[in-house]
PDB file of all heavy atoms in Angstrom:
ATOM      1  N   ALA A   1      -1.095  -7.941 -11.434  1.00  0.00           N
ATOM      2  CA  ALA A   1      -0.494  -9.105 -12.081  1.00  0.00           C
ATOM      3  C   ALA A   1      -1.341  -9.522 -13.288  1.00  0.00           C
ATOM      4  O   ALA A   1      -2.613  -9.234 -13.242  1.00  0.00           O
ATOM      5  CB  ALA A   1      -0.369 -10.251 -11.002  1.00  0.00           C
ATOM      6  N   PRO A   2      -0.857 -10.268 -14.163  1.00  0.00           N
ATOM      7  CA  PRO A   2      -1.635 -10.754 -15.411  1.00  0.00           C
ATOM      8  C   PRO A   2      -2.945 -11.438 -14.907  1.00  0.00           C
ATOM      9  O   PRO A   2      -2.838 -12.275 -14.098  1.00  0.00           O
ATOM     10  CB  PRO A   2      -0.717 -11.598 -16.148  1.00  0.00           C
ATOM     11  CG  PRO A   2       0.704 -10.994 -15.755  1.00  0.00           C
ATOM     12  CD  PRO A   2       0.564 -10.665 -14.289  1.00  0.00           C
ATOM     13  N   GLY A   3      -4.085 -11.118 -15.531  1.00  0.00           N
ATOM     14  CA  GLY A   3      -5.274 -11.731 -15.159  1.00  0.00           C
ATOM     15  C   GLY A   3      -5.931 -11.231 -13.930  1.00  0.00           C
ATOM     16  O   GLY A   3      -7.104 -11.657 -13.643  1.00  0.00           O
ATOM     17  N   ASN A   4      -5.272 -10.390 -13.150  1.00  0.00           N
ATOM     18  CA  ASN A   4      -5.834  -9.894 -11.952  1.00  0.00           C
ATOM     19  C   ASN A   4      -6.263  -8.414 -12.023  1.00  0.00           C
ATOM     20  O   ASN A   4      -5.796  -7.683 -12.964  1.00  0.00           O
ATOM     21  CB  ASN A   4      -4.858 -10.055 -10.819  1.00  0.00           C
ATOM     22  CG  ASN A   4      -4.619 -11.510 -10.524  1.00  0.00           C
ATOM     23  OD1 ASN A   4      -5.413 -12.381 -10.818  1.00  0.00           O
ATOM     24  ND2 ASN A   4      -3.480 -11.734  -9.805  1.00  0.00           N
ATOM     25  N   GLN A   5      -7.072  -8.032 -11.040  1.00  0.00           N
ATOM     26  CA  GLN A   5      -7.458  -6.560 -10.990  1.00  0.00           C
ATOM     27  C   GLN A   5      -6.314  -5.865 -10.261  1.00  0.00           C
ATOM     28  O   GLN A   5      -5.625  -6.369  -9.495  1.00  0.00           O
ATOM     29  CB  GLN A   5      -8.750  -6.449 -10.215  1.00  0.00           C
ATOM     30  CG  GLN A   5     -10.000  -7.033 -10.862  1.00  0.00           C
ATOM     31  CD  GLN A   5     -11.230  -6.730 -10.093  1.00  0.00           C
ATOM     32  OE1 GLN A   5     -11.276  -6.890  -8.924  1.00  0.00           O
ATOM     33  NE2 GLN A   5     -12.261  -6.130 -10.747  1.00  0.00           N
ATOM     34  N   ARG A   6      -6.306  -4.551 -10.549  1.00  0.00           N
ATOM     35  CA  ARG A   6      -5.299  -3.670  -9.944  1.00  0.00           C
ATOM     36  C   ARG A   6      -5.769  -3.458  -8.509  1.00  0.00           C
ATOM     37  O   ARG A   6      -6.928  -3.255  -8.145  1.00  0.00           O
ATOM     38  CB  ARG A   6      -5.182  -2.397 -10.611  1.00  0.00           C
ATOM     39  CG  ARG A   6      -3.982  -1.501 -10.067  1.00  0.00           C
ATOM     40  CD  ARG A   6      -3.883  -0.225 -11.007  1.00  0.00           C
ATOM     41  NE  ARG A   6      -3.454  -0.579 -12.369  1.00  0.00           N
ATOM     42  CZ  ARG A   6      -3.003   0.137 -13.254  1.00  0.00           C
ATOM     43  NH1 ARG A   6      -2.958   1.550 -13.044  1.00  0.00           N
ATOM     44  NH2 ARG A   6      -2.642  -0.219 -14.481  1.00  0.00           N
ATOM     45  N   GLU A   7      -4.743  -3.611  -7.638  1.00  0.00           N
ATOM     46  CA  GLU A   7      -5.049  -3.525  -6.163  1.00  0.00           C
ATOM     47  C   GLU A   7      -4.163  -2.510  -5.518  1.00  0.00           C
ATOM     48  O   GLU A   7      -3.081  -2.361  -5.880  1.00  0.00           O
ATOM     49  CB  GLU A   7      -4.927  -4.806  -5.377  1.00  0.00           C
ATOM     50  CG  GLU A   7      -3.502  -5.467  -5.479  1.00  0.00           C
ATOM     51  CD  GLU A   7      -3.345  -6.682  -4.550  1.00  0.00           C
ATOM     52  OE1 GLU A   7      -4.204  -7.001  -3.810  1.00  0.00           O
ATOM     53  OE2 GLU A   7      -2.309  -7.333  -4.806  1.00  0.00           O
ATOM     54  N   MET A   8      -4.726  -1.924  -4.445  1.00  0.00           N
ATOM     55  CA  MET A   8      -3.895  -0.992  -3.628  1.00  0.00           C
ATOM     56  C   MET A   8      -2.971  -1.713  -2.725  1.00  0.00           C
ATOM     57  O   MET A   8      -3.262  -2.642  -2.151  1.00  0.00           O
ATOM     58  CB  MET A   8      -4.843  -0.140  -2.759  1.00  0.00           C
ATOM     59  CG  MET A   8      -4.203   1.023  -2.049  1.00  0.00           C
ATOM     60  SD  MET A   8      -3.501   0.437  -0.431  1.00  0.00           S
ATOM     61  CE  MET A   8      -4.943   0.190   0.446  1.00  0.00           C
ATOM     62  N   VAL A   9      -1.678  -1.236  -2.828  1.00  0.00           N
ATOM     63  CA  VAL A   9      -0.650  -1.818  -1.926  1.00  0.00           C
ATOM     64  C   VAL A   9      -0.450  -0.967  -0.714  1.00  0.00           C
ATOM     65  O   VAL A   9      -0.479  -1.428   0.445  1.00  0.00           O
ATOM     66  CB  VAL A   9       0.622  -2.008  -2.756  1.00  0.00           C
ATOM     67  CG1 VAL A   9       1.748  -2.479  -1.739  1.00  0.00           C
ATOM     68  CG2 VAL A   9       0.457  -2.800  -3.946  1.00  0.00           C
ATOM     69  N   ALA A  10      -0.243   0.384  -0.981  1.00  0.00           N
ATOM     70  CA  ALA A  10       0.037   1.273   0.108  1.00  0.00           C
ATOM     71  C   ALA A  10      -0.232   2.715  -0.318  1.00  0.00           C
ATOM     72  O   ALA A  10       0.016   3.059  -1.456  1.00  0.00           O
ATOM     73  CB  ALA A  10       1.415   1.187   0.726  1.00  0.00           C
ATOM     74  N   THR A  11      -0.726   3.495   0.559  1.00  0.00           N
ATOM     75  CA  THR A  11      -0.895   5.024   0.293  1.00  0.00           C
ATOM     76  C   THR A  11      -0.492   5.763   1.393  1.00  0.00           C
ATOM     77  O   THR A  11      -0.350   5.337   2.568  1.00  0.00           O
ATOM     78  CB  THR A  11      -2.415   5.283   0.058  1.00  0.00           C
ATOM     79  OG1 THR A  11      -3.193   4.999   1.184  1.00  0.00           O
ATOM     80  CG2 THR A  11      -2.982   4.503  -1.184  1.00  0.00           C
ATOM     81  N   ILE A  12      -0.037   7.016   1.042  1.00  0.00           N
ATOM     82  CA  ILE A  12       0.369   8.029   2.077  1.00  0.00           C
ATOM     83  C   ILE A  12      -0.178   9.341   1.710  1.00  0.00           C
ATOM     84  O   ILE A  12      -0.032   9.861   0.581  1.00  0.00           O
ATOM     85  CB  ILE A  12       1.929   7.962   2.239  1.00  0.00           C
ATOM     86  CG1 ILE A  12       2.381   8.859   3.354  1.00  0.00           C
ATOM     87  CG2 ILE A  12       2.577   8.342   0.910  1.00  0.00           C
ATOM     88  CD1 ILE A  12       3.870   8.745   3.699  1.00  0.00           C
ATOM     89  N   THR A  13      -0.711  10.098   2.688  1.00  0.00           N
ATOM     90  CA  THR A  13      -1.192  11.432   2.401  1.00  0.00           C
ATOM     91  C   THR A  13      -0.086  12.425   2.711  1.00  0.00           C
ATOM     92  O   THR A  13       0.990  12.161   3.265  1.00  0.00           O
ATOM     93  CB  THR A  13      -2.372  11.793   3.352  1.00  0.00           C
ATOM     94  OG1 THR A  13      -1.963  11.862   4.742  1.00  0.00           O
ATOM     95  CG2 THR A  13      -3.389  10.713   3.227  1.00  0.00           C
ATOM     96  N   ARG A  14      -0.272  13.620   2.372  1.00  0.00           N
ATOM     97  CA  ARG A  14       0.720  14.663   2.584  1.00  0.00           C
ATOM     98  C   ARG A  14       0.937  14.820   4.041  1.00  0.00           C
ATOM     99  O   ARG A  14       2.107  15.184   4.490  1.00  0.00           O
ATOM    100  CB  ARG A  14       0.188  15.987   2.036  1.00  0.00           C
ATOM    101  CG  ARG A  14       1.310  17.076   2.089  1.00  0.00           C
ATOM    102  CD  ARG A  14       0.898  18.281   1.165  1.00  0.00           C
ATOM    103  NE  ARG A  14       2.040  19.201   1.076  1.00  0.00           N
ATOM    104  CZ  ARG A  14       2.966  19.180   0.132  1.00  0.00           C
ATOM    105  NH1 ARG A  14       2.893  18.175  -0.738  1.00  0.00           N
ATOM    106  NH2 ARG A  14       4.007  20.096   0.162  1.00  0.00           N
ATOM    107  N   GLY A  15      -0.107  14.602   4.886  1.00  0.00           N
ATOM    108  CA  GLY A  15       0.108  14.680   6.345  1.00  0.00           C
ATOM    109  C   GLY A  15       0.755  13.490   6.941  1.00  0.00           C
ATOM    110  O   GLY A  15       1.113  13.439   8.092  1.00  0.00           O
ATOM    111  N   GLY A  16       0.952  12.443   6.161  1.00  0.00           N
ATOM    112  CA  GLY A  16       1.665  11.283   6.633  1.00  0.00           C
ATOM    113  C   GLY A  16       0.815  10.140   7.043  1.00  0.00           C
ATOM    114  O   GLY A  16       1.327   9.144   7.535  1.00  0.00           O
ATOM    115  N   SER A  17      -0.462  10.203   6.869  1.00  0.00           N
ATOM    116  CA  SER A  17      -1.306   8.998   7.130  1.00  0.00           C
ATOM    117  C   SER A  17      -1.080   7.841   6.168  1.00  0.00           C
ATOM    118  O   SER A  17      -0.991   8.060   5.025  1.00  0.00           O
ATOM    119  CB  SER A  17      -2.814   9.486   7.028  1.00  0.00           C
ATOM    120  OG  SER A  17      -3.096  10.448   7.953  1.00  0.00           O
ATOM    121  N   LEU A  18      -0.985   6.669   6.755  1.00  0.00           N
ATOM    122  CA  LEU A  18      -0.621   5.454   6.056  1.00  0.00           C
ATOM    123  C   LEU A  18      -1.637   4.536   5.966  1.00  0.00           C
ATOM    124  O   LEU A  18      -2.384   4.316   6.969  1.00  0.00           O
ATOM    125  CB  LEU A  18       0.652   4.830   6.650  1.00  0.00           C
ATOM    126  CG  LEU A  18       1.895   5.637   6.949  1.00  0.00           C
ATOM    127  CD1 LEU A  18       2.915   5.004   7.689  1.00  0.00           C
ATOM    128  CD2 LEU A  18       2.496   6.228   5.695  1.00  0.00           C
ATOM    129  N   ASN A  19      -1.815   3.820   4.866  1.00  0.00           N
ATOM    130  CA  ASN A  19      -2.710   2.690   4.771  1.00  0.00           C
ATOM    131  C   ASN A  19      -1.984   1.613   3.845  1.00  0.00           C
ATOM    132  O   ASN A  19      -1.315   1.909   2.973  1.00  0.00           O
ATOM    133  CB  ASN A  19      -3.985   3.124   3.939  1.00  0.00           C
ATOM    134  CG  ASN A  19      -4.898   3.893   4.726  1.00  0.00           C
ATOM    135  OD1 ASN A  19      -5.562   3.432   5.733  1.00  0.00           O
ATOM    136  ND2 ASN A  19      -4.915   5.213   4.551  1.00  0.00           N
ATOM    137  N   TYR A  20      -2.158   0.372   4.340  1.00  0.00           N
ATOM    138  CA  TYR A  20      -1.549  -0.794   3.681  1.00  0.00           C
ATOM    139  C   TYR A  20      -2.564  -1.856   3.414  1.00  0.00           C
ATOM    140  O   TYR A  20      -3.462  -2.097   4.219  1.00  0.00           O
ATOM    141  CB  TYR A  20      -0.457  -1.433   4.579  1.00  0.00           C
ATOM    142  CG  TYR A  20       0.743  -0.491   4.744  1.00  0.00           C
ATOM    143  CD1 TYR A  20       0.822   0.302   5.923  1.00  0.00           C
ATOM    144  CD2 TYR A  20       1.821  -0.495   3.981  1.00  0.00           C
ATOM    145  CE1 TYR A  20       2.042   1.164   6.153  1.00  0.00           C
ATOM    146  CE2 TYR A  20       2.937   0.280   4.096  1.00  0.00           C
ATOM    147  CZ  TYR A  20       3.032   1.125   5.224  1.00  0.00           C
ATOM    148  OH  TYR A  20       4.107   1.896   5.444  1.00  0.00           O
ATOM    149  N   ALA A  21      -2.327  -2.503   2.336  1.00  0.00           N
ATOM    150  CA  ALA A  21      -3.019  -3.773   2.129  1.00  0.00           C
ATOM    151  C   ALA A  21      -2.708  -4.759   3.153  1.00  0.00           C
ATOM    152  O   ALA A  21      -1.531  -4.909   3.595  1.00  0.00           O
ATOM    153  CB  ALA A  21      -2.723  -4.358   0.699  1.00  0.00           C
ATOM    154  N   ASP A  22      -3.631  -5.654   3.668  1.00  0.00           N
ATOM    155  CA  ASP A  22      -3.368  -6.607   4.604  1.00  0.00           C
ATOM    156  C   ASP A  22      -2.230  -7.555   4.173  1.00  0.00           C
ATOM    157  O   ASP A  22      -1.480  -7.970   4.995  1.00  0.00           O
ATOM    158  CB  ASP A  22      -4.643  -7.372   4.901  1.00  0.00           C
ATOM    159  CG  ASP A  22      -5.683  -6.655   5.682  1.00  0.00           C
ATOM    160  OD1 ASP A  22      -5.385  -5.607   6.246  1.00  0.00           O
ATOM    161  OD2 ASP A  22      -6.849  -7.016   5.656  1.00  0.00           O
ATOM    162  N   SER A  23      -2.104  -7.853   2.918  1.00  0.00           N
ATOM    163  CA  SER A  23      -1.120  -8.778   2.453  1.00  0.00           C
ATOM    164  C   SER A  23       0.262  -8.316   2.598  1.00  0.00           C
ATOM    165  O   SER A  23       1.271  -9.144   2.470  1.00  0.00           O
ATOM    166  CB  SER A  23      -1.422  -9.100   0.966  1.00  0.00           C
ATOM    167  OG  SER A  23      -1.400  -8.065   0.154  1.00  0.00           O
ATOM    168  N   VAL A  24       0.508  -6.985   2.821  1.00  0.00           N
ATOM    169  CA  VAL A  24       1.834  -6.529   2.817  1.00  0.00           C
ATOM    170  C   VAL A  24       2.136  -5.859   4.187  1.00  0.00           C
ATOM    171  O   VAL A  24       3.328  -5.335   4.382  1.00  0.00           O
ATOM    172  CB  VAL A  24       2.074  -5.469   1.714  1.00  0.00           C
ATOM    173  CG1 VAL A  24       1.707  -6.043   0.367  1.00  0.00           C
ATOM    174  CG2 VAL A  24       1.179  -4.121   2.002  1.00  0.00           C
ATOM    175  N   LYS A  25       1.211  -5.769   5.106  1.00  0.00           N
ATOM    176  CA  LYS A  25       1.475  -5.145   6.391  1.00  0.00           C
ATOM    177  C   LYS A  25       2.610  -5.904   7.162  1.00  0.00           C
ATOM    178  O   LYS A  25       2.596  -7.140   7.137  1.00  0.00           O
ATOM    179  CB  LYS A  25       0.251  -5.179   7.283  1.00  0.00           C
ATOM    180  CG  LYS A  25      -0.838  -4.186   6.831  1.00  0.00           C
ATOM    181  CD  LYS A  25      -2.049  -4.210   7.760  1.00  0.00           C
ATOM    182  CE  LYS A  25      -3.063  -3.129   7.433  1.00  0.00           C
ATOM    183  NZ  LYS A  25      -4.277  -3.269   8.211  1.00  0.00           N
ATOM    184  N   GLY A  26       3.546  -5.126   7.606  1.00  0.00           N
ATOM    185  CA  GLY A  26       4.666  -5.705   8.318  1.00  0.00           C
ATOM    186  C   GLY A  26       5.846  -6.037   7.516  1.00  0.00           C
ATOM    187  O   GLY A  26       6.906  -6.321   8.003  1.00  0.00           O
ATOM    188  N   ARG A  27       5.653  -5.924   6.194  1.00  0.00           N
ATOM    189  CA  ARG A  27       6.675  -6.257   5.213  1.00  0.00           C
ATOM    190  C   ARG A  27       7.114  -5.056   4.403  1.00  0.00           C
ATOM    191  O   ARG A  27       8.222  -4.926   4.077  1.00  0.00           O
ATOM    192  CB  ARG A  27       6.339  -7.402   4.288  1.00  0.00           C
ATOM    193  CG  ARG A  27       6.070  -8.723   4.989  1.00  0.00           C
ATOM    194  CD  ARG A  27       5.884  -9.850   4.133  1.00  0.00           C
ATOM    195  NE  ARG A  27       4.731  -9.690   3.207  1.00  0.00           N
ATOM    196  CZ  ARG A  27       4.777  -9.615   1.869  1.00  0.00           C
ATOM    197  NH1 ARG A  27       5.974  -9.842   1.244  1.00  0.00           N
ATOM    198  NH2 ARG A  27       3.649  -9.431   1.121  1.00  0.00           N
ATOM    199  N   PHE A  28       6.149  -4.217   3.996  1.00  0.00           N
ATOM    200  CA  PHE A  28       6.367  -3.083   3.114  1.00  0.00           C
ATOM    201  C   PHE A  28       6.206  -1.813   3.942  1.00  0.00           C
ATOM    202  O   PHE A  28       5.311  -1.721   4.942  1.00  0.00           O
ATOM    203  CB  PHE A  28       5.302  -3.044   1.939  1.00  0.00           C
ATOM    204  CG  PHE A  28       5.455  -4.173   1.003  1.00  0.00           C
ATOM    205  CD1 PHE A  28       6.364  -5.170   1.123  1.00  0.00           C
ATOM    206  CD2 PHE A  28       4.679  -4.059  -0.186  1.00  0.00           C
ATOM    207  CE1 PHE A  28       6.488  -6.218   0.221  1.00  0.00           C
ATOM    208  CE2 PHE A  28       4.691  -4.952  -1.168  1.00  0.00           C
ATOM    209  CZ  PHE A  28       5.618  -6.106  -0.982  1.00  0.00           C
ATOM    210  N   THR A  29       6.894  -0.774   3.607  1.00  0.00           N
ATOM    211  CA  THR A  29       6.842   0.454   4.167  1.00  0.00           C
ATOM    212  C   THR A  29       6.836   1.567   3.173  1.00  0.00           C
ATOM    213  O   THR A  29       7.707   1.606   2.256  1.00  0.00           O
ATOM    214  CB  THR A  29       8.111   0.667   5.176  1.00  0.00           C
ATOM    215  OG1 THR A  29       8.136  -0.264   6.155  1.00  0.00           O
ATOM    216  CG2 THR A  29       7.994   2.133   5.839  1.00  0.00           C
ATOM    217  N   ILE A  30       5.826   2.371   3.200  1.00  0.00           N
ATOM    218  CA  ILE A  30       5.734   3.558   2.253  1.00  0.00           C
ATOM    219  C   ILE A  30       6.224   4.778   2.963  1.00  0.00           C
ATOM    220  O   ILE A  30       5.867   4.956   4.150  1.00  0.00           O
ATOM    221  CB  ILE A  30       4.250   3.697   1.699  1.00  0.00           C
ATOM    222  CG1 ILE A  30       4.218   4.685   0.534  1.00  0.00           C
ATOM    223  CG2 ILE A  30       3.289   4.044   2.794  1.00  0.00           C
ATOM    224  CD1 ILE A  30       2.860   4.754  -0.150  1.00  0.00           C
ATOM    225  N   SER A  31       6.780   5.698   2.196  1.00  0.00           N
ATOM    226  CA  SER A  31       7.303   6.936   2.762  1.00  0.00           C
ATOM    227  C   SER A  31       7.320   7.952   1.550  1.00  0.00           C
ATOM    228  O   SER A  31       7.273   7.574   0.504  1.00  0.00           O
ATOM    229  CB  SER A  31       8.634   6.813   3.483  1.00  0.00           C
ATOM    230  OG  SER A  31       9.635   6.399   2.455  1.00  0.00           O
ATOM    231  N   ARG A  32       7.434   9.254   1.907  1.00  0.00           N
ATOM    232  CA  ARG A  32       7.575  10.248   0.953  1.00  0.00           C
ATOM    233  C   ARG A  32       8.449  11.468   1.419  1.00  0.00           C
ATOM    234  O   ARG A  32       8.546  11.652   2.630  1.00  0.00           O
ATOM    235  CB  ARG A  32       6.175  10.659   0.547  1.00  0.00           C
ATOM    236  CG  ARG A  32       5.441  11.487   1.587  1.00  0.00           C
ATOM    237  CD  ARG A  32       4.008  11.938   1.053  1.00  0.00           C
ATOM    238  NE  ARG A  32       4.180  13.023   0.045  1.00  0.00           N
ATOM    239  CZ  ARG A  32       3.161  13.583  -0.489  1.00  0.00           C
ATOM    240  NH1 ARG A  32       1.895  13.313  -0.192  1.00  0.00           N
ATOM    241  NH2 ARG A  32       3.358  14.581  -1.410  1.00  0.00           N
TER     242      ARG A  32
END
């Protein structure tokens, strides 16, 4: 966002391991 640093929201590895920022857990879902 303007004036803020870039932050990680969610990541997914080729094997399917998931990581979420605490602020989006339970609301966002990453998939590939």
